Amino acid sequence: MADRLRLMAVHAHPDDESSKGAATMAKYAGTGYDVLVVSCTGGERGDVLNPRLKGDPHIERDLAQVRREEMKRAQEILGVDHTWLGFVDSGLPEGDPLPPLPDGCFALEPIEVTAEALVREIRRFRPHVMTTYDENGGYPHPDHIMTHTVSMAAFAAAGDAAAYPHAGEPWQPLKIYYNSHNRAKYAAFHDALLAQGVESPYADWLKDWDPATARTITTRVECSDFFDQRDQALLAHATQIDPDGAWFRVPREMQVSVWPTEDFEAALSYVPVQPVEDDLFAGISDAATGDELATRGDLEIAYDGRKEKTT
């Protein structure tokens, strides 16, 4: 087995990896860890969200290939490995009533199909730690919700020799985290912008944020030295990101001083979780120890932070 600790980040579409936990991934990759991004779909049904690129004939003709090229650039900027799980983007249904999801899309695939695909990647890459979305998907896109479902199912099955026996040798990841959607972070940016006399892009967002959706932050990873890589990776997804949009309205120096961490919520762990961690690998001293635990076959859950779906 390899002598490096390993992190797998499971995402729904290309660009999600650059907007959720990207600086953390760049930090780990840049300091000697192996990091793999798994994109469940190709983002084929995404819209062109950058007004500068709307109407571009090449993009309109082959958005799927363009998004693959964007993902390759983002991967190189972050310094991580990447794989496609191979499912088809479900799109974001709109209307009242909502239209049915398209046949053959990721969100409609049987869980035994989608989970096996991710189990294969887990058993091949052998991560000690995984990240994914919370039970509500972070936001109610069908592919984000399905990504949560698949990630949790694969996390549970990967170490079970009886589950998907043709998908590789059993390997039990030791921890799985949710990327945090933290209201306090955006409130802090909002207040800091107003204190400098700058209009905040977060006013309406904060006003409409339901307090019932508050999350439990267990882990804060200081990664401000990697904010530039994060932003450059996000901008590499040029069809999806407006460079003049809200993502880039908070000055870098303010980000570093007000909120220099990316935050995570432990969902399940086979090693103790002590609040508040500053490392996703807390409790796993080194790769050899992690490898031994991941292949023991008799681990018991040490921390369970899962919640019921609310949306």
C-alpha atoms as a PDB file:
ATOM      1  CA  MET A   1       0.000   0.000   0.000  1.00  0.00           C
ATOM      2  CA  ALA A   2       1.061   3.605  -0.547  1.00  0.00           C
ATOM      3  CA  ASP A   3       2.778   5.535   2.237  1.00  0.00           C
ATOM      4  CA  ARG A   4       0.641   8.675   1.917  1.00  0.00           C
ATOM      5  CA  LEU A   5      -2.661   9.548   3.527  1.00  0.00           C
ATOM      6  CA  ARG A   6      -5.458   9.728   0.968  1.00  0.00           C
ATOM      7  CA  LEU A   7      -8.539  11.937   0.573  1.00  0.00           C
ATOM      8  CA  MET A   8     -11.461  11.343  -1.807  1.00  0.00           C
ATOM      9  CA  ALA A   9     -13.878  14.201  -2.543  1.00  0.00           C
ATOM     10  CA  VAL A  10     -17.140  13.108  -4.189  1.00  0.00           C
ATOM     11  CA  HIS A  11     -18.982  15.758  -6.215  1.00  0.00           C
ATOM     12  CA  ALA A  12     -22.014  15.912  -8.454  1.00  0.00           C
ATOM     13  CA  HIS A  13     -20.752  17.984 -11.386  1.00  0.00           C
ATOM     14  CA  PRO A  14     -17.527  19.483 -12.705  1.00  0.00           C
ATOM     15  CA  ASP A  15     -17.110  22.889 -10.966  1.00  0.00           C
ATOM     16  CA  ASP A  16     -18.543  21.630  -7.645  1.00  0.00           C
ATOM     17  CA  GLU A  17     -15.074  20.526  -6.581  1.00  0.00           C
ATOM     18  CA  SER A  18     -13.770  24.074  -7.035  1.00  0.00           C
ATOM     19  CA  SER A  19     -16.521  25.761  -5.035  1.00  0.00           C
ATOM     20  CA  LYS A  20     -16.644  23.313  -2.119  1.00  0.00           C
ATOM     21  CA  GLY A  21     -13.515  22.460  -0.173  1.00  0.00           C
ATOM     22  CA  ALA A  22     -11.111  23.310  -2.996  1.00  0.00           C
ATOM     23  CA  ALA A  23      -8.541  25.169  -0.893  1.00  0.00           C
ATOM     24  CA  THR A  24      -8.498  22.264   1.555  1.00  0.00           C
ATOM     25  CA  MET A  25      -7.860  19.800  -1.262  1.00  0.00           C
ATOM     26  CA  ALA A  26      -5.105  22.020  -2.692  1.00  0.00           C
ATOM     27  CA  LYS A  27      -3.509  22.232   0.757  1.00  0.00           C
ATOM     28  CA  TYR A  28      -3.473  18.480   1.266  1.00  0.00           C
ATOM     29  CA  ALA A  29      -2.294  17.792  -2.295  1.00  0.00           C
ATOM     30  CA  GLY A  30       0.435  20.398  -1.955  1.00  0.00           C
ATOM     31  CA  THR A  31       1.732  19.008   1.324  1.00  0.00           C
ATOM     32  CA  GLY A  32       2.169  15.362   0.445  1.00  0.00           C
ATOM     33  CA  TYR A  33      -1.272  13.768   0.535  1.00  0.00           C
ATOM     34  CA  ASP A  34      -2.986  11.940  -2.328  1.00  0.00           C
ATOM     35  CA  VAL A  35      -6.262  13.618  -3.283  1.00  0.00           C
ATOM     36  CA  LEU A  36      -8.840  12.271  -5.727  1.00  0.00           C
ATOM     37  CA  VAL A  37     -11.895  14.154  -6.970  1.00  0.00           C
ATOM     38  CA  VAL A  38     -14.761  11.972  -8.182  1.00  0.00           C
ATOM     39  CA  SER A  39     -17.273  13.682 -10.479  1.00  0.00           C
ATOM     40  CA  CYS A  40     -20.482  11.652 -10.558  1.00  0.00           C
ATOM     41  CA  THR A  41     -21.772  13.289 -13.763  1.00  0.00           C
ATOM     42  CA  GLY A  42     -20.369  15.278 -16.650  1.00  0.00           C
ATOM     43  CA  GLY A  43     -22.562  18.319 -16.143  1.00  0.00           C
ATOM     44  CA  GLU A  44     -24.071  17.831 -19.592  1.00  0.00           C
ATOM     45  CA  ARG A  45     -27.346  19.560 -18.738  1.00  0.00           C
ATOM     46  CA  GLY A  46     -25.832  22.598 -17.045  1.00  0.00           C
ATOM     47  CA  ASP A  47     -26.575  26.096 -18.258  1.00  0.00           C
ATOM     48  CA  VAL A  48     -23.948  28.585 -19.404  1.00  0.00           C
ATOM     49  CA  LEU A  49     -23.898  30.923 -16.396  1.00  0.00           C
ATOM     50  CA  ASN A  50     -21.127  33.263 -17.543  1.00  0.00           C
ATOM     51  CA  PRO A  51     -22.812  36.081 -19.488  1.00  0.00           C
ATOM     52  CA  ARG A  52     -19.628  36.633 -21.505  1.00  0.00           C
ATOM     53  CA  LEU A  53     -19.911  33.157 -23.014  1.00  0.00           C
ATOM     54  CA  LYS A  54     -23.639  32.957 -23.721  1.00  0.00           C
ATOM     55  CA  GLY A  55     -24.322  32.357 -27.399  1.00  0.00           C
ATOM     56  CA  ASP A  56     -20.850  30.997 -28.129  1.00  0.00           C
ATOM     57  CA  PRO A  57     -21.460  28.477 -30.959  1.00  0.00           C
ATOM     58  CA  HIS A  58     -18.686  26.084 -29.887  1.00  0.00           C
ATOM     59  CA  ILE A  59     -19.975  25.912 -26.331  1.00  0.00           C
ATOM     60  CA  GLU A  60     -23.589  25.492 -27.442  1.00  0.00           C
ATOM     61  CA  ARG A  61     -22.576  22.734 -29.855  1.00  0.00           C
ATOM     62  CA  ASP A  62     -20.537  20.668 -27.410  1.00  0.00           C
ATOM     63  CA  LEU A  63     -21.057  21.775 -23.819  1.00  0.00           C
ATOM     64  CA  ALA A  64     -20.221  18.294 -22.508  1.00  0.00           C
ATOM     65  CA  GLN A  65     -16.731  18.369 -24.045  1.00  0.00           C
ATOM     66  CA  VAL A  66     -16.166  21.967 -22.944  1.00  0.00           C
ATOM     67  CA  ARG A  67     -16.967  21.046 -19.361  1.00  0.00           C
ATOM     68  CA  ARG A  68     -14.534  18.131 -19.520  1.00  0.00           C
ATOM     69  CA  GLU A  69     -11.816  20.495 -20.702  1.00  0.00           C
ATOM     70  CA  GLU A  70     -12.663  22.934 -17.912  1.00  0.00           C
ATOM     71  CA  MET A  71     -12.467  20.145 -15.353  1.00  0.00           C
ATOM     72  CA  LYS A  72      -9.026  19.132 -16.628  1.00  0.00           C
ATOM     73  CA  ARG A  73      -7.734  22.690 -16.157  1.00  0.00           C
ATOM     74  CA  ALA A  74      -9.222  22.937 -12.654  1.00  0.00           C
ATOM     75  CA  GLN A  75      -7.726  19.580 -11.700  1.00  0.00           C
ATOM     76  CA  GLU A  76      -4.271  20.733 -12.789  1.00  0.00           C
ATOM     77  CA  ILE A  77      -4.585  24.004 -10.872  1.00  0.00           C
ATOM     78  CA  LEU A  78      -5.592  22.216  -7.660  1.00  0.00           C
ATOM     79  CA  GLY A  79      -2.912  19.564  -8.088  1.00  0.00           C
ATOM     80  CA  VAL A  80      -5.328  16.673  -7.520  1.00  0.00           C
ATOM     81  CA  ASP A  81      -6.230  13.485  -9.358  1.00  0.00           C
ATOM     82  CA  HIS A  82      -9.654  13.140 -10.944  1.00  0.00           C
ATOM     83  CA  THR A  83     -12.020  10.497 -12.262  1.00  0.00           C
ATOM     84  CA  TRP A  84     -15.457  10.516 -13.870  1.00  0.00           C
ATOM     85  CA  LEU A  85     -18.009   8.117 -12.416  1.00  0.00           C
ATOM     86  CA  GLY A  86     -19.775   8.254 -15.785  1.00  0.00           C
ATOM     87  CA  PHE A  87     -23.409   9.069 -15.007  1.00  0.00           C
ATOM     88  CA  VAL A  88     -25.546  11.586 -16.888  1.00  0.00           C
ATOM     89  CA  ASP A  89     -26.439  14.977 -15.426  1.00  0.00           C
ATOM     90  CA  SER A  90     -30.072  15.102 -14.279  1.00  0.00           C
ATOM     91  CA  GLY A  91     -30.505  18.831 -14.837  1.00  0.00           C
ATOM     92  CA  LEU A  92     -32.307  21.121 -12.415  1.00  0.00           C
ATOM     93  CA  PRO A  93     -36.075  20.829 -12.993  1.00  0.00           C
ATOM     94  CA  GLU A  94     -37.993  24.094 -12.907  1.00  0.00           C
ATOM     95  CA  GLY A  95     -41.701  24.893 -13.009  1.00  0.00           C
ATOM     96  CA  ASP A  96     -44.867  24.287 -11.027  1.00  0.00           C
ATOM     97  CA  PRO A  97     -45.471  21.426 -11.053  1.00  0.00           C
ATOM     98  CA  LEU A  98     -41.883  20.304 -11.578  1.00  0.00           C
ATOM     99  CA  PRO A  99     -41.349  18.279 -14.753  1.00  0.00           C
ATOM    100  CA  PRO A 100     -40.166  14.672 -14.450  1.00  0.00           C
ATOM    101  CA  LEU A 101     -36.459  13.992 -14.495  1.00  0.00           C
ATOM    102  CA  PRO A 102     -35.105  12.735 -17.828  1.00  0.00           C
ATOM    103  CA  ASP A 103     -34.807   8.994 -18.388  1.00  0.00           C
ATOM    104  CA  GLY A 104     -31.363   7.585 -17.742  1.00  0.00           C
ATOM    105  CA  CYS A 105     -30.143  10.438 -15.563  1.00  0.00           C
ATOM    106  CA  PHE A 106     -27.999  10.025 -12.445  1.00  0.00           C
ATOM    107  CA  ALA A 107     -30.776  10.789  -9.970  1.00  0.00           C
ATOM    108  CA  LEU A 108     -32.921   7.963 -11.388  1.00  0.00           C
ATOM    109  CA  GLU A 109     -30.229   5.300 -11.548  1.00  0.00           C
ATOM    110  CA  PRO A 110     -30.720   2.355  -9.145  1.00  0.00           C
ATOM    111  CA  ILE A 111     -28.649   2.788  -5.994  1.00  0.00           C
ATOM    112  CA  GLU A 112     -27.056  -0.629  -6.466  1.00  0.00           C
ATOM    113  CA  VAL A 113     -25.653   0.630  -9.793  1.00  0.00           C
ATOM    114  CA  THR A 114     -24.407   4.007  -8.594  1.00  0.00           C
ATOM    115  CA  ALA A 115     -23.065   2.733  -5.276  1.00  0.00           C
ATOM    116  CA  GLU A 116     -21.153  -0.094  -6.938  1.00  0.00           C
ATOM    117  CA  ALA A 117     -19.487   2.394  -9.295  1.00  0.00           C
ATOM    118  CA  LEU A 118     -18.271   4.458  -6.338  1.00  0.00           C
ATOM    119  CA  VAL A 119     -17.306   1.377  -4.319  1.00  0.00           C
ATOM    120  CA  ARG A 120     -15.013   0.391  -7.202  1.00  0.00           C
ATOM    121  CA  GLU A 121     -13.275   3.765  -6.989  1.00  0.00           C
ATOM    122  CA  ILE A 122     -12.994   3.570  -3.198  1.00  0.00           C
ATOM    123  CA  ARG A 123     -11.441   0.120  -3.342  1.00  0.00           C
ATOM    124  CA  ARG A 124      -9.076   1.194  -6.113  1.00  0.00           C
ATOM    125  CA  PHE A 125      -7.927   4.502  -4.548  1.00  0.00           C
ATOM    126  CA  ARG A 126      -8.268   3.378  -0.893  1.00  0.00           C
ATOM    127  CA  PRO A 127      -9.049   6.717   0.758  1.00  0.00           C
ATOM    128  CA  HIS A 128      -8.724   7.116   4.492  1.00  0.00           C
ATOM    129  CA  VAL A 129     -11.119  10.075   4.437  1.00  0.00           C
ATOM    130  CA  MET A 130     -14.011  11.072   2.147  1.00  0.00           C
ATOM    131  CA  THR A 131     -16.001  14.271   1.689  1.00  0.00           C
ATOM    132  CA  THR A 132     -19.448  14.665   0.157  1.00  0.00           C
ATOM    133  CA  TYR A 133     -22.703  16.644   0.581  1.00  0.00           C
ATOM    134  CA  ASP A 134     -25.127  16.611   3.487  1.00  0.00           C
ATOM    135  CA  GLU A 135     -28.458  14.792   3.497  1.00  0.00           C
ATOM    136  CA  ASN A 136     -30.127  17.712   1.688  1.00  0.00           C
ATOM    137  CA  GLY A 137     -27.439  17.835  -0.976  1.00  0.00           C
ATOM    138  CA  GLY A 138     -26.224  21.207   0.275  1.00  0.00           C
ATOM    139  CA  TYR A 139     -28.995  22.571  -1.926  1.00  0.00           C
ATOM    140  CA  PRO A 140     -31.888  20.660  -3.458  1.00  0.00           C
ATOM    141  CA  HIS A 141     -30.446  19.725  -6.836  1.00  0.00           C
ATOM    142  CA  PRO A 142     -31.373  16.106  -7.592  1.00  0.00           C
ATOM    143  CA  ASP A 143     -27.776  15.229  -8.458  1.00  0.00           C
ATOM    144  CA  HIS A 144     -26.462  16.704  -5.198  1.00  0.00           C
ATOM    145  CA  ILE A 145     -28.982  14.745  -3.171  1.00  0.00           C
ATOM    146  CA  MET A 146     -28.115  11.597  -5.122  1.00  0.00           C
ATOM    147  CA  THR A 147     -24.408  12.256  -4.559  1.00  0.00           C
ATOM    148  CA  HIS A 148     -25.051  12.237  -0.808  1.00  0.00           C
ATOM    149  CA  THR A 149     -27.051   9.019  -1.049  1.00  0.00           C
ATOM    150  CA  VAL A 150     -24.450   7.272  -3.189  1.00  0.00           C
ATOM    151  CA  SER A 151     -21.518   8.467  -1.064  1.00  0.00           C
ATOM    152  CA  MET A 152     -23.056   7.235   2.170  1.00  0.00           C
ATOM    153  CA  ALA A 153     -24.073   3.903   0.631  1.00  0.00           C
ATOM    154  CA  ALA A 154     -20.615   3.356  -0.827  1.00  0.00           C
ATOM    155  CA  PHE A 155     -18.920   4.373   2.434  1.00  0.00           C
ATOM    156  CA  ALA A 156     -20.974   1.713   4.221  1.00  0.00           C
ATOM    157  CA  ALA A 157     -20.428  -0.975   1.592  1.00  0.00           C
ATOM    158  CA  ALA A 158     -16.784  -0.537   0.612  1.00  0.00           C
ATOM    159  CA  GLY A 159     -15.428  -2.392   3.641  1.00  0.00           C
ATOM    160  CA  ASP A 160     -17.962  -5.224   3.449  1.00  0.00           C
ATOM    161  CA  ALA A 161     -16.535  -8.251   1.659  1.00  0.00           C
ATOM    162  CA  ALA A 162     -20.082  -9.478   0.915  1.00  0.00           C
ATOM    163  CA  ALA A 163     -21.056  -6.223  -0.829  1.00  0.00           C
ATOM    164  CA  TYR A 164     -20.170  -5.950  -4.515  1.00  0.00           C
ATOM    165  CA  PRO A 165     -17.594  -8.772  -4.330  1.00  0.00           C
ATOM    166  CA  HIS A 166     -16.477  -8.188  -7.930  1.00  0.00           C
ATOM    167  CA  ALA A 167     -15.681  -4.508  -7.260  1.00  0.00           C
ATOM    168  CA  GLY A 168     -12.281  -5.052  -5.629  1.00  0.00           C
ATOM    169  CA  GLU A 169     -10.840  -5.964  -2.258  1.00  0.00           C
ATOM    170  CA  PRO A 170     -12.705  -4.537   0.759  1.00  0.00           C
ATOM    171  CA  TRP A 171     -11.541  -1.160   1.999  1.00  0.00           C
ATOM    172  CA  GLN A 172     -13.255   0.807   4.761  1.00  0.00           C
ATOM    173  CA  PRO A 173     -12.706   4.583   4.653  1.00  0.00           C
ATOM    174  CA  LEU A 174     -12.339   5.760   8.225  1.00  0.00           C
ATOM    175  CA  LYS A 175     -14.157   9.113   8.097  1.00  0.00           C
ATOM    176  CA  ILE A 176     -16.680  10.862   5.864  1.00  0.00           C
ATOM    177  CA  TYR A 177     -17.450  14.569   6.075  1.00  0.00           C
ATOM    178  CA  TYR A 178     -20.008  16.930   4.616  1.00  0.00           C
ATOM    179  CA  ASN A 179     -18.866  20.145   2.974  1.00  0.00           C
ATOM    180  CA  SER A 180     -20.330  22.857   5.193  1.00  0.00           C
ATOM    181  CA  HIS A 181     -22.799  25.531   4.131  1.00  0.00           C
ATOM    182  CA  ASN A 182     -22.105  27.841   7.047  1.00  0.00           C
ATOM    183  CA  ARG A 183     -24.353  30.871   7.548  1.00  0.00           C
ATOM    184  CA  ALA A 184     -21.952  32.364  10.078  1.00  0.00           C
ATOM    185  CA  LYS A 185     -19.246  32.622   7.428  1.00  0.00           C
ATOM    186  CA  TYR A 186     -21.379  34.632   5.026  1.00  0.00           C
ATOM    187  CA  ALA A 187     -22.750  36.758   7.857  1.00  0.00           C
ATOM    188  CA  ALA A 188     -19.166  37.604   8.832  1.00  0.00           C
ATOM    189  CA  PHE A 189     -18.326  38.618   5.267  1.00  0.00           C
ATOM    190  CA  HIS A 190     -21.564  40.613   5.050  1.00  0.00           C
ATOM    191  CA  ASP A 191     -20.744  42.559   8.216  1.00  0.00           C
ATOM    192  CA  ALA A 192     -17.131  43.138   7.165  1.00  0.00           C
ATOM    193  CA  LEU A 193     -18.182  44.516   3.789  1.00  0.00           C
ATOM    194  CA  LEU A 194     -20.741  46.861   5.335  1.00  0.00           C
ATOM    195  CA  ALA A 195     -18.155  48.053   7.885  1.00  0.00           C
ATOM    196  CA  GLN A 196     -16.002  49.191   4.972  1.00  0.00           C
ATOM    197  CA  GLY A 197     -18.934  50.890   3.268  1.00  0.00           C
ATOM    198  CA  VAL A 198     -19.153  48.251   0.540  1.00  0.00           C
ATOM    199  CA  GLU A 199     -22.458  46.776  -0.637  1.00  0.00           C
ATOM    200  CA  SER A 200     -22.808  43.133   0.376  1.00  0.00           C
ATOM    201  CA  PRO A 201     -24.076  40.522  -2.098  1.00  0.00           C
ATOM    202  CA  TYR A 202     -25.323  38.378   0.788  1.00  0.00           C
ATOM    203  CA  ALA A 203     -28.126  40.510   2.280  1.00  0.00           C
ATOM    204  CA  ASP A 204     -31.086  38.737   0.671  1.00  0.00           C
ATOM    205  CA  TRP A 205     -29.437  35.344   1.004  1.00  0.00           C
ATOM    206  CA  LEU A 206     -28.918  35.768   4.745  1.00  0.00           C
ATOM    207  CA  LYS A 207     -32.428  37.138   5.253  1.00  0.00           C
ATOM    208  CA  ASP A 208     -33.953  34.069   3.608  1.00  0.00           C
ATOM    209  CA  TRP A 209     -31.676  31.525   5.331  1.00  0.00           C
ATOM    210  CA  ASP A 210     -33.814  29.180   7.413  1.00  0.00           C
ATOM    211  CA  PRO A 211     -32.372  28.853  10.971  1.00  0.00           C
ATOM    212  CA  ALA A 212     -33.631  25.269  11.035  1.00  0.00           C
ATOM    213  CA  THR A 213     -30.970  24.384   8.468  1.00  0.00           C
ATOM    214  CA  ALA A 214     -28.046  25.253  10.792  1.00  0.00           C
ATOM    215  CA  ARG A 215     -25.223  22.742  10.574  1.00  0.00           C
ATOM    216  CA  THR A 216     -22.804  21.352  13.162  1.00  0.00           C
ATOM    217  CA  ILE A 217     -19.249  22.348  12.296  1.00  0.00           C
ATOM    218  CA  THR A 218     -16.800  19.771  13.619  1.00  0.00           C
ATOM    219  CA  THR A 219     -13.709  20.631  11.599  1.00  0.00           C
ATOM    220  CA  ARG A 220     -12.078  23.878  10.467  1.00  0.00           C
ATOM    221  CA  VAL A 221      -9.115  23.537   8.117  1.00  0.00           C
ATOM    222  CA  GLU A 222      -6.905  26.632   7.884  1.00  0.00           C
ATOM    223  CA  CYS A 223      -6.159  26.933   4.168  1.00  0.00           C
ATOM    224  CA  SER A 224      -5.961  30.655   3.325  1.00  0.00           C
ATOM    225  CA  ASP A 225      -2.609  30.185   1.573  1.00  0.00           C
ATOM    226  CA  PHE A 226      -4.512  28.167  -1.030  1.00  0.00           C
ATOM    227  CA  PHE A 227      -7.393  30.574  -1.690  1.00  0.00           C
ATOM    228  CA  ASP A 228      -5.738  31.715  -4.922  1.00  0.00           C
ATOM    229  CA  GLN A 229      -5.590  28.142  -6.259  1.00  0.00           C
ATOM    230  CA  ARG A 230      -9.240  27.711  -5.273  1.00  0.00           C
ATOM    231  CA  ASP A 231     -10.264  30.850  -7.151  1.00  0.00           C
ATOM    232  CA  GLN A 232      -8.200  30.031 -10.221  1.00  0.00           C
ATOM    233  CA  ALA A 233      -9.703  26.538 -10.325  1.00  0.00           C
ATOM    234  CA  LEU A 234     -13.181  28.000 -10.060  1.00  0.00           C
ATOM    235  CA  LEU A 235     -12.477  30.462 -12.878  1.00  0.00           C
ATOM    236  CA  ALA A 236     -11.256  27.551 -15.009  1.00  0.00           C
ATOM    237  CA  HIS A 237     -14.912  26.469 -15.156  1.00  0.00           C
ATOM    238  CA  ALA A 238     -15.526  29.475 -17.362  1.00  0.00           C
ATOM    239  CA  THR A 239     -18.980  28.426 -18.575  1.00  0.00           C
ATOM    240  CA  GLN A 240     -20.234  28.094 -15.012  1.00  0.00           C
ATOM    241  CA  ILE A 241     -18.711  31.091 -13.237  1.00  0.00           C
ATOM    242  CA  ASP A 242     -19.309  34.795 -13.750  1.00  0.00           C
ATOM    243  CA  PRO A 243     -15.955  36.409 -12.848  1.00  0.00           C
ATOM    244  CA  ASP A 244     -17.892  39.509 -11.781  1.00  0.00           C
ATOM    245  CA  GLY A 245     -20.319  37.532  -9.623  1.00  0.00           C
ATOM    246  CA  ALA A 246     -20.795  37.148  -5.873  1.00  0.00           C
ATOM    247  CA  TRP A 247     -18.109  34.466  -5.580  1.00  0.00           C
ATOM    248  CA  PHE A 248     -15.462  37.161  -6.047  1.00  0.00           C
ATOM    249  CA  ARG A 249     -16.987  40.154  -4.285  1.00  0.00           C
ATOM    250  CA  VAL A 250     -15.131  39.662  -0.993  1.00  0.00           C
ATOM    251  CA  PRO A 251     -11.528  40.952  -1.256  1.00  0.00           C
ATOM    252  CA  ARG A 252      -8.886  38.303  -0.682  1.00  0.00           C
ATOM    253  CA  GLU A 253      -7.327  40.083   2.282  1.00  0.00           C
ATOM    254  CA  MET A 254     -10.760  40.250   3.929  1.00  0.00           C
ATOM    255  CA  GLN A 255     -11.319  36.544   3.364  1.00  0.00           C
ATOM    256  CA  VAL A 256      -7.987  35.743   4.974  1.00  0.00           C
ATOM    257  CA  SER A 257      -8.577  37.946   8.013  1.00  0.00           C
ATOM    258  CA  VAL A 258     -12.285  37.226   8.552  1.00  0.00           C
ATOM    259  CA  TRP A 259     -12.570  33.513   7.697  1.00  0.00           C
ATOM    260  CA  PRO A 260      -9.297  31.746   6.822  1.00  0.00           C
ATOM    261  CA  THR A 261     -10.722  28.232   7.093  1.00  0.00           C
ATOM    262  CA  GLU A 262     -12.892  25.861   5.118  1.00  0.00           C
ATOM    263  CA  ASP A 263     -15.362  24.112   7.366  1.00  0.00           C
ATOM    264  CA  PHE A 264     -16.670  20.561   7.449  1.00  0.00           C
ATOM    265  CA  GLU A 265     -19.213  18.479   9.319  1.00  0.00           C
ATOM    266  CA  ALA A 266     -18.278  14.958  10.369  1.00  0.00           C
ATOM    267  CA  ALA A 267     -20.998  12.529   9.302  1.00  0.00           C
ATOM    268  CA  LEU A 268     -19.572   9.128  10.245  1.00  0.00           C
ATOM    269  CA  SER A 269     -16.203   8.157  11.670  1.00  0.00           C
ATOM    270  CA  TYR A 270     -14.513   4.987  12.834  1.00  0.00           C
ATOM    271  CA  VAL A 271     -12.054   7.066  14.870  1.00  0.00           C
ATOM    272  CA  PRO A 272     -13.062   9.563  17.576  1.00  0.00           C
ATOM    273  CA  VAL A 273     -14.014  13.090  16.476  1.00  0.00           C
ATOM    274  CA  GLN A 274     -12.964  15.733  18.990  1.00  0.00           C
ATOM    275  CA  PRO A 275     -14.505  19.169  18.460  1.00  0.00           C
ATOM    276  CA  VAL A 276     -13.211  21.276  16.949  1.00  0.00           C
ATOM    277  CA  GLU A 277     -10.720  19.500  14.701  1.00  0.00           C
ATOM    278  CA  ASP A 278      -8.296  21.391  12.478  1.00  0.00           C
ATOM    279  CA  ASP A 279      -7.510  18.430  10.225  1.00  0.00           C
ATOM    280  CA  LEU A 280      -9.717  16.027   8.274  1.00  0.00           C
ATOM    281  CA  PHE A 281      -7.227  13.283   9.171  1.00  0.00           C
ATOM    282  CA  ALA A 282      -7.380  13.934  12.914  1.00  0.00           C
ATOM    283  CA  GLY A 283      -7.245  10.578  14.695  1.00  0.00           C
ATOM    284  CA  ILE A 284      -5.328   8.900  11.842  1.00  0.00           C
ATOM    285  CA  SER A 285      -1.665   9.336  12.687  1.00  0.00           C
ATOM    286  CA  ASP A 286      -0.153   8.104   9.422  1.00  0.00           C
ATOM    287  CA  ALA A 287      -0.878   6.075   6.308  1.00  0.00           C
ATOM    288  CA  ALA A 288       0.301   2.781   7.781  1.00  0.00           C
ATOM    289  CA  THR A 289      -2.038   3.143  10.754  1.00  0.00           C
ATOM    290  CA  GLY A 290      -4.881   4.160   8.456  1.00  0.00           C
ATOM    291  CA  ASP A 291      -4.248   1.221   6.143  1.00  0.00           C
ATOM    292  CA  GLU A 292      -4.293  -1.219   9.034  1.00  0.00           C
ATOM    293  CA  LEU A 293      -7.585   0.133  10.343  1.00  0.00           C
ATOM    294  CA  ALA A 294      -9.195   0.256   6.887  1.00  0.00           C
ATOM    295  CA  THR A 295      -8.562  -3.462   6.310  1.00  0.00           C
ATOM    296  CA  ARG A 296      -9.323  -4.871   9.763  1.00  0.00           C
ATOM    297  CA  GLY A 297     -12.935  -5.760   9.094  1.00  0.00           C
ATOM    298  CA  ASP A 298     -14.121  -5.324  12.690  1.00  0.00           C
ATOM    299  CA  LEU A 299     -14.354  -1.544  13.117  1.00  0.00           C
ATOM    300  CA  GLU A 300     -17.158   0.090  15.054  1.00  0.00           C
ATOM    301  CA  ILE A 301     -18.597   3.553  14.502  1.00  0.00           C
ATOM    302  CA  ALA A 302     -16.987   6.025  16.923  1.00  0.00           C
ATOM    303  CA  TYR A 303     -18.942   9.104  15.809  1.00  0.00           C
ATOM    304  CA  ASP A 304     -22.311   9.457  14.090  1.00  0.00           C
ATOM    305  CA  GLY A 305     -23.385  12.962  13.107  1.00  0.00           C
ATOM    306  CA  ARG A 306     -25.978  12.057  10.498  1.00  0.00           C
ATOM    307  CA  LYS A 307     -29.309  13.914  10.395  1.00  0.00           C
ATOM    308  CA  GLU A 308     -32.687  13.329   8.838  1.00  0.00           C
ATOM    309  CA  LYS A 309     -33.323  14.836   5.420  1.00  0.00           C
ATOM    310  CA  THR A 310     -35.364  18.053   5.708  1.00  0.00           C
ATOM    311  CA  THR A 311     -35.933  19.121   2.101  1.00  0.00           C
END
